[in-house]
Amino acid sequence: MIDLLSPHEQQRLAIARVLLHGPDWLFLDKSTSALDEEREEQIYALLAEHLPGSTLVSIAHRPGVERHHTRHWTLSPRKGRVALEVA
């Protein structure tokens, strides 16, 4: 059944499941990448409203996602290793 849904439909369905389950921790790996920026904004607003006590960890390439978080971690290669920068 999931193969019948488009990527943005799959992402919206996954967000609906998260809202139903209300996890303490939520890991989002490019979970809004198939959505336009307006819809992405709405999703993050929904998560903030309905899951205020949840810890949200996002992995994303869009710079707009960072405004929905209070801490930012950047992993970058440095001298053959991975460096972590926390802001």
N, C-alpha and C. Protein backbone atom coordinates (compact mmCIF):
# COMPACT_ATOMS: atom_id res chain seq x y z
N MET A 1 0.82 -1.20 0.00
CA MET A 1 0.00 0.00 0.00
C MET A 1 0.86 1.26 0.00
N ILE A 2 1.94 1.25 0.78
CA ILE A 2 2.76 2.45 0.89
C ILE A 2 3.37 2.82 -0.46
N ASP A 3 3.60 1.84 -1.33
CA ASP A 3 4.16 2.12 -2.65
C ASP A 3 3.19 2.89 -3.55
N LEU A 4 1.91 2.92 -3.18
CA LEU A 4 0.92 3.62 -3.96
C LEU A 4 0.89 5.12 -3.64
N LEU A 5 1.54 5.50 -2.56
CA LEU A 5 1.54 6.90 -2.14
C LEU A 5 2.75 7.62 -2.70
N SER A 6 2.58 8.88 -3.03
CA SER A 6 3.70 9.70 -3.49
C SER A 6 4.60 9.99 -2.28
N PRO A 7 5.85 10.44 -2.53
CA PRO A 7 6.74 10.75 -1.41
C PRO A 7 6.15 11.77 -0.43
N HIS A 8 5.50 12.82 -0.93
CA HIS A 8 4.95 13.81 0.02
C HIS A 8 3.77 13.23 0.78
N GLU A 9 2.99 12.33 0.18
CA GLU A 9 1.90 11.66 0.89
C GLU A 9 2.45 10.73 1.97
N GLN A 10 3.53 10.04 1.66
CA GLN A 10 4.16 9.16 2.65
C GLN A 10 4.67 9.97 3.85
N GLN A 11 5.27 11.12 3.57
CA GLN A 11 5.78 11.95 4.66
C GLN A 11 4.64 12.50 5.52
N ARG A 12 3.56 12.91 4.91
CA ARG A 12 2.42 13.42 5.67
C ARG A 12 1.78 12.32 6.50
N LEU A 13 1.71 11.12 5.98
CA LEU A 13 1.17 9.99 6.72
C LEU A 13 2.06 9.67 7.93
N ALA A 14 3.36 9.71 7.73
CA ALA A 14 4.29 9.46 8.84
C ALA A 14 4.12 10.50 9.95
N ILE A 15 3.95 11.76 9.58
CA ILE A 15 3.75 12.82 10.58
C ILE A 15 2.43 12.59 11.33
N ALA A 16 1.40 12.16 10.63
CA ALA A 16 0.11 11.87 11.28
C ALA A 16 0.29 10.75 12.31
N ARG A 17 1.05 9.74 11.98
CA ARG A 17 1.30 8.64 12.92
C ARG A 17 2.05 9.14 14.14
N VAL A 18 3.01 10.02 13.94
CA VAL A 18 3.76 10.60 15.06
C VAL A 18 2.82 11.37 15.98
N LEU A 19 1.94 12.17 15.40
CA LEU A 19 1.00 12.95 16.21
C LEU A 19 0.07 12.04 17.00
N LEU A 20 -0.31 10.91 16.45
CA LEU A 20 -1.17 9.95 17.16
C LEU A 20 -0.45 9.27 18.32
N HIS A 21 0.84 8.95 18.12
CA HIS A 21 1.59 8.21 19.14
C HIS A 21 2.22 9.11 20.20
N GLY A 22 2.52 10.35 19.87
CA GLY A 22 3.09 11.29 20.84
C GLY A 22 4.36 10.82 21.52
N PRO A 23 5.40 10.52 20.76
CA PRO A 23 6.65 10.02 21.37
C PRO A 23 7.38 11.09 22.18
N ASP A 24 8.20 10.63 23.13
CA ASP A 24 9.04 11.55 23.90
C ASP A 24 10.19 12.08 23.06
N TRP A 25 10.70 11.25 22.18
CA TRP A 25 11.80 11.61 21.27
C TRP A 25 11.33 11.39 19.84
N LEU A 26 11.68 12.32 18.97
CA LEU A 26 11.29 12.22 17.57
C LEU A 26 12.51 12.52 16.71
N PHE A 27 12.91 11.56 15.90
CA PHE A 27 14.05 11.71 15.00
C PHE A 27 13.52 11.85 13.58
N LEU A 28 13.77 12.99 12.98
CA LEU A 28 13.27 13.29 11.63
C LEU A 28 14.45 13.37 10.68
N ASP A 29 14.57 12.38 9.81
CA ASP A 29 15.65 12.36 8.84
C ASP A 29 15.09 12.76 7.48
N LYS A 30 15.25 14.03 7.14
CA LYS A 30 14.72 14.60 5.89
C LYS A 30 13.23 14.29 5.73
N SER A 31 12.51 14.37 6.84
CA SER A 31 11.11 13.95 6.87
C SER A 31 10.16 14.91 6.16
N THR A 32 10.62 16.10 5.83
CA THR A 32 9.77 17.05 5.11
C THR A 32 10.37 17.44 3.76
N SER A 33 11.35 16.69 3.30
CA SER A 33 12.07 17.05 2.08
C SER A 33 11.20 17.02 0.82
N ALA A 34 10.15 16.22 0.82
CA ALA A 34 9.28 16.14 -0.36
C ALA A 34 8.16 17.19 -0.33
N LEU A 35 8.10 17.95 0.75
CA LEU A 35 7.05 18.96 0.91
C LEU A 35 7.57 20.33 0.50
N ASP A 36 6.67 21.21 0.10
CA ASP A 36 7.09 22.58 -0.17
C ASP A 36 7.33 23.29 1.17
N GLU A 37 7.96 24.45 1.13
CA GLU A 37 8.36 25.14 2.36
C GLU A 37 7.16 25.56 3.22
N GLU A 38 6.06 25.94 2.59
CA GLU A 38 4.87 26.32 3.35
C GLU A 38 4.31 25.13 4.12
N ARG A 39 4.24 23.98 3.48
CA ARG A 39 3.73 22.77 4.15
C ARG A 39 4.69 22.33 5.24
N GLU A 40 5.99 22.45 4.97
CA GLU A 40 7.00 22.12 5.98
C GLU A 40 6.81 22.98 7.23
N GLU A 41 6.57 24.26 7.02
CA GLU A 41 6.33 25.20 8.12
C GLU A 41 5.12 24.76 8.93
N GLN A 42 4.06 24.35 8.25
CA GLN A 42 2.85 23.89 8.92
C GLN A 42 3.10 22.62 9.74
N ILE A 43 3.89 21.72 9.20
CA ILE A 43 4.20 20.47 9.90
C ILE A 43 4.95 20.77 11.20
N TYR A 44 5.98 21.61 11.12
CA TYR A 44 6.74 21.92 12.33
C TYR A 44 5.89 22.68 13.35
N ALA A 45 4.97 23.51 12.90
CA ALA A 45 4.05 24.19 13.82
C ALA A 45 3.13 23.18 14.50
N LEU A 46 2.64 22.21 13.74
CA LEU A 46 1.80 21.14 14.33
C LEU A 46 2.56 20.35 15.37
N LEU A 47 3.80 20.00 15.06
CA LEU A 47 4.61 19.24 16.01
C LEU A 47 4.83 20.04 17.29
N ALA A 48 5.14 21.30 17.16
CA ALA A 48 5.36 22.15 18.33
C ALA A 48 4.09 22.27 19.17
N GLU A 49 2.96 22.39 18.51
CA GLU A 49 1.69 22.55 19.22
C GLU A 49 1.25 21.26 19.91
N HIS A 50 1.35 20.15 19.23
CA HIS A 50 0.81 18.89 19.74
C HIS A 50 1.81 18.03 20.52
N LEU A 51 3.09 18.32 20.39
CA LEU A 51 4.12 17.55 21.09
C LEU A 51 5.07 18.48 21.84
N PRO A 52 4.55 19.36 22.69
CA PRO A 52 5.42 20.35 23.34
C PRO A 52 6.49 19.76 24.25
N GLY A 53 6.27 18.57 24.78
CA GLY A 53 7.24 17.95 25.67
C GLY A 53 8.20 17.00 24.98
N SER A 54 8.07 16.84 23.69
CA SER A 54 8.92 15.91 22.94
C SER A 54 10.24 16.58 22.55
N THR A 55 11.28 15.78 22.52
CA THR A 55 12.57 16.24 22.01
C THR A 55 12.61 15.91 20.52
N LEU A 56 12.88 16.91 19.72
CA LEU A 56 12.85 16.79 18.27
C LEU A 56 14.26 16.91 17.72
N VAL A 57 14.71 15.89 16.99
CA VAL A 57 16.02 15.90 16.35
C VAL A 57 15.78 15.80 14.86
N SER A 58 16.22 16.81 14.11
CA SER A 58 16.01 16.83 12.66
C SER A 58 17.34 16.75 11.92
N ILE A 59 17.31 15.98 10.85
CA ILE A 59 18.42 15.95 9.90
C ILE A 59 17.83 16.48 8.60
N ALA A 60 18.37 17.59 8.13
CA ALA A 60 17.78 18.24 6.97
C ALA A 60 18.83 19.00 6.19
N HIS A 61 18.52 19.25 4.93
CA HIS A 61 19.40 20.05 4.08
C HIS A 61 18.86 21.46 3.89
N ARG A 62 17.59 21.65 4.12
CA ARG A 62 17.00 22.99 3.98
C ARG A 62 17.36 23.85 5.18
N PRO A 63 17.87 25.04 4.93
CA PRO A 63 18.25 25.91 6.04
C PRO A 63 17.06 26.37 6.88
N GLY A 64 15.86 26.39 6.33
CA GLY A 64 14.69 26.85 7.07
C GLY A 64 14.31 25.97 8.24
N VAL A 65 14.73 24.71 8.22
CA VAL A 65 14.38 23.78 9.30
C VAL A 65 15.00 24.21 10.62
N GLU A 66 16.17 24.81 10.57
CA GLU A 66 16.88 25.14 11.81
C GLU A 66 16.13 26.13 12.69
N ARG A 67 15.27 26.94 12.15
CA ARG A 67 14.55 27.93 12.98
C ARG A 67 13.55 27.26 13.91
N HIS A 68 13.27 25.99 13.70
CA HIS A 68 12.33 25.26 14.55
C HIS A 68 13.02 24.57 15.73
N HIS A 69 14.30 24.81 15.89
CA HIS A 69 15.07 24.16 16.95
C HIS A 69 15.84 25.18 17.77
N THR A 70 16.11 24.80 19.02
CA THR A 70 16.86 25.70 19.91
C THR A 70 18.34 25.40 19.93
N ARG A 71 18.73 24.20 19.53
CA ARG A 71 20.15 23.84 19.45
C ARG A 71 20.46 23.34 18.06
N HIS A 72 21.67 23.63 17.60
CA HIS A 72 22.08 23.21 16.26
C HIS A 72 23.42 22.49 16.35
N TRP A 73 23.47 21.29 15.82
CA TRP A 73 24.69 20.51 15.77
C TRP A 73 25.09 20.38 14.31
N THR A 74 26.35 20.59 14.05
CA THR A 74 26.87 20.44 12.69
C THR A 74 27.99 19.42 12.72
N LEU A 75 27.86 18.39 11.91
CA LEU A 75 28.91 17.39 11.77
C LEU A 75 29.66 17.69 10.47
N SER A 76 30.98 17.78 10.57
CA SER A 76 31.76 18.07 9.38
C SER A 76 33.08 17.31 9.43
N PRO A 77 33.56 16.89 8.25
CA PRO A 77 34.84 16.16 8.22
C PRO A 77 36.00 17.10 8.55
N ARG A 78 36.91 16.59 9.36
CA ARG A 78 38.07 17.38 9.72
C ARG A 78 39.23 16.43 10.00
N LYS A 79 40.26 16.51 9.18
CA LYS A 79 41.48 15.70 9.34
C LYS A 79 41.17 14.21 9.47
N GLY A 80 40.32 13.70 8.59
CA GLY A 80 40.01 12.28 8.60
C GLY A 80 39.04 11.85 9.66
N ARG A 81 38.51 12.79 10.43
CA ARG A 81 37.56 12.48 11.49
C ARG A 81 36.32 13.35 11.29
N VAL A 82 35.33 13.11 12.11
CA VAL A 82 34.12 13.93 12.06
C VAL A 82 34.13 14.86 13.27
N ALA A 83 33.97 16.14 13.01
CA ALA A 83 33.95 17.13 14.08
C ALA A 83 32.51 17.53 14.36
N LEU A 84 32.21 17.73 15.63
CA LEU A 84 30.88 18.16 16.04
C LEU A 84 30.97 19.60 16.54
N GLU A 85 30.13 20.46 15.93
CA GLU A 85 30.04 21.84 16.38
C GLU A 85 28.64 22.05 16.93
N VAL A 86 28.55 22.58 18.15
CA VAL A 86 27.25 22.82 18.78
C VAL A 86 27.04 24.33 18.89
N ALA A 87 25.87 24.78 18.44
CA ALA A 87 25.56 26.21 18.53
C ALA A 87 24.23 26.40 19.24
